[in-house]
Amino acid sequence: MPRRSIYSTQKNVGVIFSQRDLHRAKTLRSPPDLFELRLDALAPVIDEIESVLRSLKTPLIITARHPREGGVNNLNAARRATLLERFADRAAYIDIELRALGELASVARQARRRRIGLIISVHDFANTPSVVQLRAKASAAASAGADIFKIATRTDTRQQLERLLQFFDDPHACRAVAGRRRVDLPISAMGIGRLGREARIELAARGSVLNYVHLGRAQIAGQFSLTEWRKRRLHLQSR
């Protein structure tokens, strides 16, 4: 059974990973609900494309991915923080990895102070951890003040996929206690690898709140294009 009703809250996220993606984003007649700016990938050309990035009208998720979670250009914490702070004024959400919360604490505080949404994410390109481990990561993200918990794991095998689905279907998967109040957070979940597409379709049907798509070239196995995903979504809505 799905964790929640999906279609009133789900958003499509187009990933801007390159200058070519940025050009496509600017020329889309029907853009996705959000764009994700991969500032780690854009860092070498950020000065020459900053004006274009700032001119995007669609709400933005900004992230500068940690090198151990798919980040490129081997950016240290200080450089990633600088990039995030540089574009925070245009962000609807800032995405920070759970592992990076300590070294990017100032960015997380800025997000809170400026009322920018905080996505706390985990990316495991090698495996899908156990359900117990996934629950622990989700709980840590909730306790740290996340507005959304994002989880992307390897789904090459049926067992890996089933673990991710089992975690997502757990009604207590992303629950923490804030003072005396119980907090349940939305989850964005996706698979990577051989069964990545199947995972993304199934997780969207079950209520994944953010569904990421590429704008021209997939950066990871299992990712749909925006056009493909919209066709799939129409199919999901008819289920």
C-alpha atoms as a PDB file:
ATOM      1  CA  MET A   1       0.000   0.000   0.000  1.00  0.00           C
ATOM      2  CA  PRO A   2       1.250   3.540  -0.732  1.00  0.00           C
ATOM      3  CA  ARG A   3       2.471   5.617   2.189  1.00  0.00           C
ATOM      4  CA  ARG A   4       0.400   8.591   1.119  1.00  0.00           C
ATOM      5  CA  SER A   5      -1.792   9.975  -1.660  1.00  0.00           C
ATOM      6  CA  ILE A   6       0.577  11.124  -4.363  1.00  0.00           C
ATOM      7  CA  TYR A   7      -0.620  13.345  -7.148  1.00  0.00           C
ATOM      8  CA  SER A   8      -1.451  16.497  -5.195  1.00  0.00           C
ATOM      9  CA  THR A   9       2.076  16.806  -3.805  1.00  0.00           C
ATOM     10  CA  GLN A  10       4.456  15.167  -6.294  1.00  0.00           C
ATOM     11  CA  LYS A  11       6.945  17.337  -8.158  1.00  0.00           C
ATOM     12  CA  ASN A  12       9.117  16.636 -11.186  1.00  0.00           C
ATOM     13  CA  VAL A  13      12.716  17.855 -10.880  1.00  0.00           C
ATOM     14  CA  GLY A  14      14.847  18.495 -13.962  1.00  0.00           C
ATOM     15  CA  VAL A  15      18.563  18.171 -13.239  1.00  0.00           C
ATOM     16  CA  ILE A  16      20.853  20.848 -14.686  1.00  0.00           C
ATOM     17  CA  PHE A  17      24.230  19.149 -14.795  1.00  0.00           C
ATOM     18  CA  SER A  18      25.905  20.936 -17.706  1.00  0.00           C
ATOM     19  CA  GLN A  19      25.796  24.050 -19.861  1.00  0.00           C
ATOM     20  CA  ARG A  20      23.852  22.056 -22.430  1.00  0.00           C
ATOM     21  CA  ASP A  21      21.265  21.173 -19.779  1.00  0.00           C
ATOM     22  CA  LEU A  22      21.064  24.841 -18.857  1.00  0.00           C
ATOM     23  CA  HIS A  23      20.357  25.794 -22.451  1.00  0.00           C
ATOM     24  CA  ARG A  24      17.589  23.183 -22.633  1.00  0.00           C
ATOM     25  CA  ALA A  25      16.156  24.421 -19.348  1.00  0.00           C
ATOM     26  CA  LYS A  26      15.977  27.982 -20.690  1.00  0.00           C
ATOM     27  CA  THR A  27      14.202  26.917 -23.870  1.00  0.00           C
ATOM     28  CA  LEU A  28      11.665  24.444 -22.460  1.00  0.00           C
ATOM     29  CA  ARG A  29       8.124  25.520 -23.248  1.00  0.00           C
ATOM     30  CA  SER A  30       6.806  23.357 -20.419  1.00  0.00           C
ATOM     31  CA  PRO A  31       9.459  23.148 -17.690  1.00  0.00           C
ATOM     32  CA  PRO A  32       9.301  20.720 -14.764  1.00  0.00           C
ATOM     33  CA  ASP A  33       8.048  21.843 -11.364  1.00  0.00           C
ATOM     34  CA  LEU A  34      11.613  22.422 -10.138  1.00  0.00           C
ATOM     35  CA  PHE A  35      15.150  22.482 -11.484  1.00  0.00           C
ATOM     36  CA  GLU A  36      18.056  21.062  -9.510  1.00  0.00           C
ATOM     37  CA  LEU A  37      21.287  22.998 -10.025  1.00  0.00           C
ATOM     38  CA  ARG A  38      24.237  20.640  -9.657  1.00  0.00           C
ATOM     39  CA  LEU A  39      26.655  23.350  -8.600  1.00  0.00           C
ATOM     40  CA  ASP A  40      29.512  20.860  -8.171  1.00  0.00           C
ATOM     41  CA  ALA A  41      29.257  19.967 -11.871  1.00  0.00           C
ATOM     42  CA  LEU A  42      28.797  23.590 -12.959  1.00  0.00           C
ATOM     43  CA  ALA A  43      31.587  24.954 -10.738  1.00  0.00           C
ATOM     44  CA  PRO A  44      34.258  25.265 -13.494  1.00  0.00           C
ATOM     45  CA  VAL A  45      31.985  27.514 -15.580  1.00  0.00           C
ATOM     46  CA  ILE A  46      29.926  29.134 -12.843  1.00  0.00           C
ATOM     47  CA  ASP A  47      31.172  32.679 -13.485  1.00  0.00           C
ATOM     48  CA  GLU A  48      30.244  32.639 -17.154  1.00  0.00           C
ATOM     49  CA  ILE A  49      26.781  31.146 -16.632  1.00  0.00           C
ATOM     50  CA  GLU A  50      25.761  32.836 -13.382  1.00  0.00           C
ATOM     51  CA  SER A  51      23.544  35.415 -15.095  1.00  0.00           C
ATOM     52  CA  VAL A  52      21.714  32.658 -16.978  1.00  0.00           C
ATOM     53  CA  LEU A  53      21.251  30.596 -13.821  1.00  0.00           C
ATOM     54  CA  ARG A  54      19.798  33.579 -12.014  1.00  0.00           C
ATOM     55  CA  SER A  55      17.375  34.262 -14.859  1.00  0.00           C
ATOM     56  CA  LEU A  56      15.627  30.875 -14.561  1.00  0.00           C
ATOM     57  CA  LYS A  57      11.988  31.402 -13.566  1.00  0.00           C
ATOM     58  CA  THR A  58      11.290  27.864 -12.324  1.00  0.00           C
ATOM     59  CA  PRO A  59      11.881  27.265  -8.569  1.00  0.00           C
ATOM     60  CA  LEU A  60      15.320  25.827  -7.835  1.00  0.00           C
ATOM     61  CA  ILE A  61      16.873  23.124  -5.703  1.00  0.00           C
ATOM     62  CA  ILE A  62      20.562  23.902  -5.273  1.00  0.00           C
ATOM     63  CA  THR A  63      23.118  21.304  -4.303  1.00  0.00           C
ATOM     64  CA  ALA A  64      26.894  20.942  -4.411  1.00  0.00           C
ATOM     65  CA  ARG A  65      27.249  17.205  -4.119  1.00  0.00           C
ATOM     66  CA  HIS A  66      29.773  15.582  -1.777  1.00  0.00           C
ATOM     67  CA  PRO A  67      32.500  13.707  -3.723  1.00  0.00           C
ATOM     68  CA  ARG A  68      31.611  10.447  -1.934  1.00  0.00           C
ATOM     69  CA  GLU A  69      27.967  10.753  -2.961  1.00  0.00           C
ATOM     70  CA  GLY A  70      28.330  11.377  -6.669  1.00  0.00           C
ATOM     71  CA  GLY A  71      29.831  14.857  -6.579  1.00  0.00           C
ATOM     72  CA  VAL A  72      32.186  15.803  -9.401  1.00  0.00           C
ATOM     73  CA  ASN A  73      35.249  18.072  -9.586  1.00  0.00           C
ATOM     74  CA  ASN A  74      36.353  16.895  -6.118  1.00  0.00           C
ATOM     75  CA  LEU A  75      35.145  20.021  -4.312  1.00  0.00           C
ATOM     76  CA  ASN A  76      36.041  20.423  -0.651  1.00  0.00           C
ATOM     77  CA  ALA A  77      33.519  21.529   1.961  1.00  0.00           C
ATOM     78  CA  ALA A  78      34.559  25.196   1.858  1.00  0.00           C
ATOM     79  CA  ARG A  79      34.111  25.391  -1.916  1.00  0.00           C
ATOM     80  CA  ARG A  80      30.743  23.639  -1.759  1.00  0.00           C
ATOM     81  CA  ALA A  81      29.563  25.992   0.994  1.00  0.00           C
ATOM     82  CA  THR A  82      30.631  29.019  -1.053  1.00  0.00           C
ATOM     83  CA  LEU A  83      28.658  27.836  -4.071  1.00  0.00           C
ATOM     84  CA  LEU A  84      25.539  27.119  -2.031  1.00  0.00           C
ATOM     85  CA  GLU A  85      25.688  30.488  -0.275  1.00  0.00           C
ATOM     86  CA  ARG A  86      26.221  32.236  -3.611  1.00  0.00           C
ATOM     87  CA  PHE A  87      22.918  30.967  -5.006  1.00  0.00           C
ATOM     88  CA  ALA A  88      20.870  30.673  -1.810  1.00  0.00           C
ATOM     89  CA  ASP A  89      18.864  33.779  -2.684  1.00  0.00           C
ATOM     90  CA  ARG A  90      17.399  31.919  -5.688  1.00  0.00           C
ATOM     91  CA  ALA A  91      16.735  28.625  -3.926  1.00  0.00           C
ATOM     92  CA  ALA A  92      13.412  27.101  -2.973  1.00  0.00           C
ATOM     93  CA  TYR A  93      15.380  24.214  -1.432  1.00  0.00           C
ATOM     94  CA  ILE A  94      18.978  23.495  -0.487  1.00  0.00           C
ATOM     95  CA  ASP A  95      20.030  19.842  -0.620  1.00  0.00           C
ATOM     96  CA  ILE A  96      22.754  18.791   1.822  1.00  0.00           C
ATOM     97  CA  GLU A  97      23.893  15.214   2.339  1.00  0.00           C
ATOM     98  CA  LEU A  98      23.369  13.696   5.779  1.00  0.00           C
ATOM     99  CA  ARG A  99      27.108  13.015   5.948  1.00  0.00           C
ATOM    100  CA  ALA A 100      27.853  16.700   5.206  1.00  0.00           C
ATOM    101  CA  LEU A 101      25.596  18.320   7.806  1.00  0.00           C
ATOM    102  CA  GLY A 102      28.527  18.962  10.143  1.00  0.00           C
ATOM    103  CA  GLU A 103      30.830  20.579   7.606  1.00  0.00           C
ATOM    104  CA  LEU A 104      27.983  22.554   5.984  1.00  0.00           C
ATOM    105  CA  ALA A 105      26.266  23.547   9.233  1.00  0.00           C
ATOM    106  CA  SER A 106      26.479  27.242   8.346  1.00  0.00           C
ATOM    107  CA  VAL A 107      24.598  26.602   5.099  1.00  0.00           C
ATOM    108  CA  ALA A 108      21.876  24.657   6.913  1.00  0.00           C
ATOM    109  CA  ARG A 109      21.526  27.492   9.434  1.00  0.00           C
ATOM    110  CA  GLN A 110      21.249  29.999   6.587  1.00  0.00           C
ATOM    111  CA  ALA A 111      18.497  27.918   4.993  1.00  0.00           C
ATOM    112  CA  ARG A 112      16.564  27.940   8.258  1.00  0.00           C
ATOM    113  CA  ARG A 113      17.118  31.653   8.834  1.00  0.00           C
ATOM    114  CA  ARG A 114      15.957  32.546   5.330  1.00  0.00           C
ATOM    115  CA  ARG A 115      13.128  30.017   5.320  1.00  0.00           C
ATOM    116  CA  ILE A 116      14.604  28.018   2.466  1.00  0.00           C
ATOM    117  CA  GLY A 117      13.475  24.392   2.406  1.00  0.00           C
ATOM    118  CA  LEU A 118      16.085  21.847   3.510  1.00  0.00           C
ATOM    119  CA  ILE A 119      16.452  18.505   1.743  1.00  0.00           C
ATOM    120  CA  ILE A 120      18.713  16.097   3.614  1.00  0.00           C
ATOM    121  CA  SER A 121      19.902  13.356   1.289  1.00  0.00           C
ATOM    122  CA  VAL A 122      21.666  10.012   1.205  1.00  0.00           C
ATOM    123  CA  HIS A 123      23.120   8.472  -1.974  1.00  0.00           C
ATOM    124  CA  ASP A 124      24.433   4.899  -1.898  1.00  0.00           C
ATOM    125  CA  PHE A 125      25.829   3.894  -5.295  1.00  0.00           C
ATOM    126  CA  ALA A 126      27.033   0.481  -4.080  1.00  0.00           C
ATOM    127  CA  ASN A 127      24.012  -1.059  -2.360  1.00  0.00           C
ATOM    128  CA  THR A 128      20.649  -0.581  -0.686  1.00  0.00           C
ATOM    129  CA  PRO A 129      21.288  -0.745   3.074  1.00  0.00           C
ATOM    130  CA  SER A 130      19.055  -2.764   5.363  1.00  0.00           C
ATOM    131  CA  VAL A 131      15.650  -1.375   6.270  1.00  0.00           C
ATOM    132  CA  VAL A 132      16.886  -0.786   9.816  1.00  0.00           C
ATOM    133  CA  GLN A 133      19.831   1.256   8.498  1.00  0.00           C
ATOM    134  CA  LEU A 134      17.580   3.241   6.175  1.00  0.00           C
ATOM    135  CA  ARG A 135      15.206   4.016   9.036  1.00  0.00           C
ATOM    136  CA  ALA A 136      18.132   5.240  11.122  1.00  0.00           C
ATOM    137  CA  LYS A 137      19.273   7.592   8.339  1.00  0.00           C
ATOM    138  CA  ALA A 138      15.737   8.906   7.850  1.00  0.00           C
ATOM    139  CA  SER A 139      15.322   9.472  11.577  1.00  0.00           C
ATOM    140  CA  ALA A 140      18.632  11.349  11.707  1.00  0.00           C
ATOM    141  CA  ALA A 141      17.517  13.575   8.836  1.00  0.00           C
ATOM    142  CA  ALA A 142      14.178  14.272  10.491  1.00  0.00           C
ATOM    143  CA  SER A 143      15.850  15.095  13.801  1.00  0.00           C
ATOM    144  CA  ALA A 144      18.237  17.454  11.984  1.00  0.00           C
ATOM    145  CA  GLY A 145      15.343  19.541  10.707  1.00  0.00           C
ATOM    146  CA  ALA A 146      14.862  18.282   7.151  1.00  0.00           C
ATOM    147  CA  ASP A 147      11.794  19.319   5.214  1.00  0.00           C
ATOM    148  CA  ILE A 148      12.284  16.380   2.832  1.00  0.00           C
ATOM    149  CA  PHE A 149      14.390  13.229   3.172  1.00  0.00           C
ATOM    150  CA  LYS A 150      15.895  12.104  -0.150  1.00  0.00           C
ATOM    151  CA  ILE A 151      17.251   8.572  -0.556  1.00  0.00           C
ATOM    152  CA  ALA A 152      18.851   7.109  -3.707  1.00  0.00           C
ATOM    153  CA  THR A 153      20.289   3.592  -3.551  1.00  0.00           C
ATOM    154  CA  ARG A 154      21.628   0.847  -5.796  1.00  0.00           C
ATOM    155  CA  THR A 155      18.865  -1.383  -7.141  1.00  0.00           C
ATOM    156  CA  ASP A 156      20.554  -3.935  -9.357  1.00  0.00           C
ATOM    157  CA  THR A 157      18.850  -6.898  -7.692  1.00  0.00           C
ATOM    158  CA  ARG A 158      15.308  -7.744  -6.732  1.00  0.00           C
ATOM    159  CA  GLN A 159      16.379  -7.955  -3.072  1.00  0.00           C
ATOM    160  CA  GLN A 160      17.790  -4.422  -3.135  1.00  0.00           C
ATOM    161  CA  LEU A 161      14.624  -3.089  -4.725  1.00  0.00           C
ATOM    162  CA  GLU A 162      12.419  -4.848  -2.179  1.00  0.00           C
ATOM    163  CA  ARG A 163      14.400  -3.368   0.708  1.00  0.00           C
ATOM    164  CA  LEU A 164      13.946   0.139  -0.667  1.00  0.00           C
ATOM    165  CA  LEU A 165      10.227  -0.393  -1.197  1.00  0.00           C
ATOM    166  CA  GLN A 166       9.815  -1.914   2.261  1.00  0.00           C
ATOM    167  CA  PHE A 167      11.503   1.104   3.811  1.00  0.00           C
ATOM    168  CA  PHE A 168       9.358   3.533   1.837  1.00  0.00           C
ATOM    169  CA  ASP A 169       6.127   1.756   2.782  1.00  0.00           C
ATOM    170  CA  ASP A 170       6.923   1.909   6.509  1.00  0.00           C
ATOM    171  CA  PRO A 171       4.598   4.595   7.948  1.00  0.00           C
ATOM    172  CA  HIS A 172       7.210   5.342  10.632  1.00  0.00           C
ATOM    173  CA  ALA A 173      10.152   5.456   8.214  1.00  0.00           C
ATOM    174  CA  CYS A 174      10.783   9.171   8.530  1.00  0.00           C
ATOM    175  CA  ARG A 175       9.550  10.077  11.981  1.00  0.00           C
ATOM    176  CA  ALA A 176      11.292  12.021  14.697  1.00  0.00           C
ATOM    177  CA  VAL A 177      10.337  13.823  17.859  1.00  0.00           C
ATOM    178  CA  ALA A 178      10.678  17.618  17.892  1.00  0.00           C
ATOM    179  CA  GLY A 179      10.008  18.670  21.469  1.00  0.00           C
ATOM    180  CA  ARG A 180       6.764  16.898  22.290  1.00  0.00           C
ATOM    181  CA  ARG A 181       5.587  16.857  18.689  1.00  0.00           C
ATOM    182  CA  ARG A 182       5.989  13.892  16.372  1.00  0.00           C
ATOM    183  CA  VAL A 183       7.242  14.914  12.944  1.00  0.00           C
ATOM    184  CA  ASP A 184       6.595  12.927   9.760  1.00  0.00           C
ATOM    185  CA  LEU A 185       8.612  14.027   6.736  1.00  0.00           C
ATOM    186  CA  PRO A 186       7.940  13.541   3.040  1.00  0.00           C
ATOM    187  CA  ILE A 187      10.329  11.138   1.322  1.00  0.00           C
ATOM    188  CA  SER A 188      11.841  11.354  -2.136  1.00  0.00           C
ATOM    189  CA  ALA A 189      13.154   7.890  -3.031  1.00  0.00           C
ATOM    190  CA  MET A 190      14.697   6.486  -6.188  1.00  0.00           C
ATOM    191  CA  GLY A 191      16.672   3.538  -7.463  1.00  0.00           C
ATOM    192  CA  ILE A 192      19.982   3.469  -9.325  1.00  0.00           C
ATOM    193  CA  GLY A 193      21.126   0.736 -11.676  1.00  0.00           C
ATOM    194  CA  ARG A 194      19.592  -2.225 -13.506  1.00  0.00           C
ATOM    195  CA  LEU A 195      16.210  -1.952 -11.784  1.00  0.00           C
ATOM    196  CA  GLY A 196      16.438   1.797 -11.345  1.00  0.00           C
ATOM    197  CA  ARG A 197      13.638   2.602 -13.742  1.00  0.00           C
ATOM    198  CA  GLU A 198      11.333   0.021 -12.226  1.00  0.00           C
ATOM    199  CA  ALA A 199      12.162   1.395  -8.776  1.00  0.00           C
ATOM    200  CA  ARG A 200      11.390   4.985  -9.786  1.00  0.00           C
ATOM    201  CA  ILE A 201       8.068   4.053 -11.337  1.00  0.00           C
ATOM    202  CA  GLU A 202       7.027   2.008  -8.317  1.00  0.00           C
ATOM    203  CA  LEU A 203       8.172   4.609  -5.802  1.00  0.00           C
ATOM    204  CA  ALA A 204       6.349   7.371  -7.651  1.00  0.00           C
ATOM    205  CA  ALA A 205       3.189   5.275  -7.588  1.00  0.00           C
ATOM    206  CA  ARG A 206       3.651   4.874  -3.831  1.00  0.00           C
ATOM    207  CA  GLY A 207       4.186   8.562  -3.181  1.00  0.00           C
ATOM    208  CA  SER A 208       7.773   9.725  -3.754  1.00  0.00           C
ATOM    209  CA  VAL A 209       7.402  13.509  -3.518  1.00  0.00           C
ATOM    210  CA  LEU A 210      10.316  14.544  -5.776  1.00  0.00           C
ATOM    211  CA  ASN A 211      11.020  12.604  -8.961  1.00  0.00           C
ATOM    212  CA  TYR A 212      14.283  13.540 -10.703  1.00  0.00           C
ATOM    213  CA  VAL A 213      14.712  13.471 -14.484  1.00  0.00           C
ATOM    214  CA  HIS A 214      17.478  14.396 -16.895  1.00  0.00           C
ATOM    215  CA  LEU A 215      17.218  17.103 -19.548  1.00  0.00           C
ATOM    216  CA  GLY A 216      19.195  15.379 -22.270  1.00  0.00           C
ATOM    217  CA  ARG A 217      21.627  12.797 -20.959  1.00  0.00           C
ATOM    218  CA  ALA A 218      21.228  10.515 -17.936  1.00  0.00           C
ATOM    219  CA  GLN A 219      24.051  10.840 -15.418  1.00  0.00           C
ATOM    220  CA  ILE A 220      23.093   7.666 -13.553  1.00  0.00           C
ATOM    221  CA  ALA A 221      21.541   4.374 -14.619  1.00  0.00           C
ATOM    222  CA  GLY A 222      17.787   4.321 -14.164  1.00  0.00           C
ATOM    223  CA  GLN A 223      17.061   8.001 -14.697  1.00  0.00           C
ATOM    224  CA  PHE A 224      14.244   8.971 -17.075  1.00  0.00           C
ATOM    225  CA  SER A 225      14.179  11.980 -19.363  1.00  0.00           C
ATOM    226  CA  LEU A 226      11.567  14.638 -18.667  1.00  0.00           C
ATOM    227  CA  THR A 227       9.566  13.587 -21.735  1.00  0.00           C
ATOM    228  CA  GLU A 228       9.680   9.897 -20.804  1.00  0.00           C
ATOM    229  CA  TRP A 229       8.697  10.621 -17.226  1.00  0.00           C
ATOM    230  CA  ARG A 230       5.675  12.696 -18.186  1.00  0.00           C
ATOM    231  CA  LYS A 231       4.414   9.819 -20.305  1.00  0.00           C
ATOM    232  CA  ARG A 232       4.979   7.444 -17.390  1.00  0.00           C
ATOM    233  CA  ARG A 233       3.183   9.777 -15.007  1.00  0.00           C
ATOM    234  CA  LEU A 234       0.115   9.829 -17.233  1.00  0.00           C
ATOM    235  CA  HIS A 235       0.186   6.039 -17.068  1.00  0.00           C
ATOM    236  CA  LEU A 236       0.552   6.105 -13.274  1.00  0.00           C
ATOM    237  CA  GLN A 237      -2.407   8.445 -12.908  1.00  0.00           C
ATOM    238  CA  SER A 238      -4.574   5.962 -14.770  1.00  0.00           C
ATOM    239  CA  ARG A 239      -3.643   3.082 -12.430  1.00  0.00           C
END
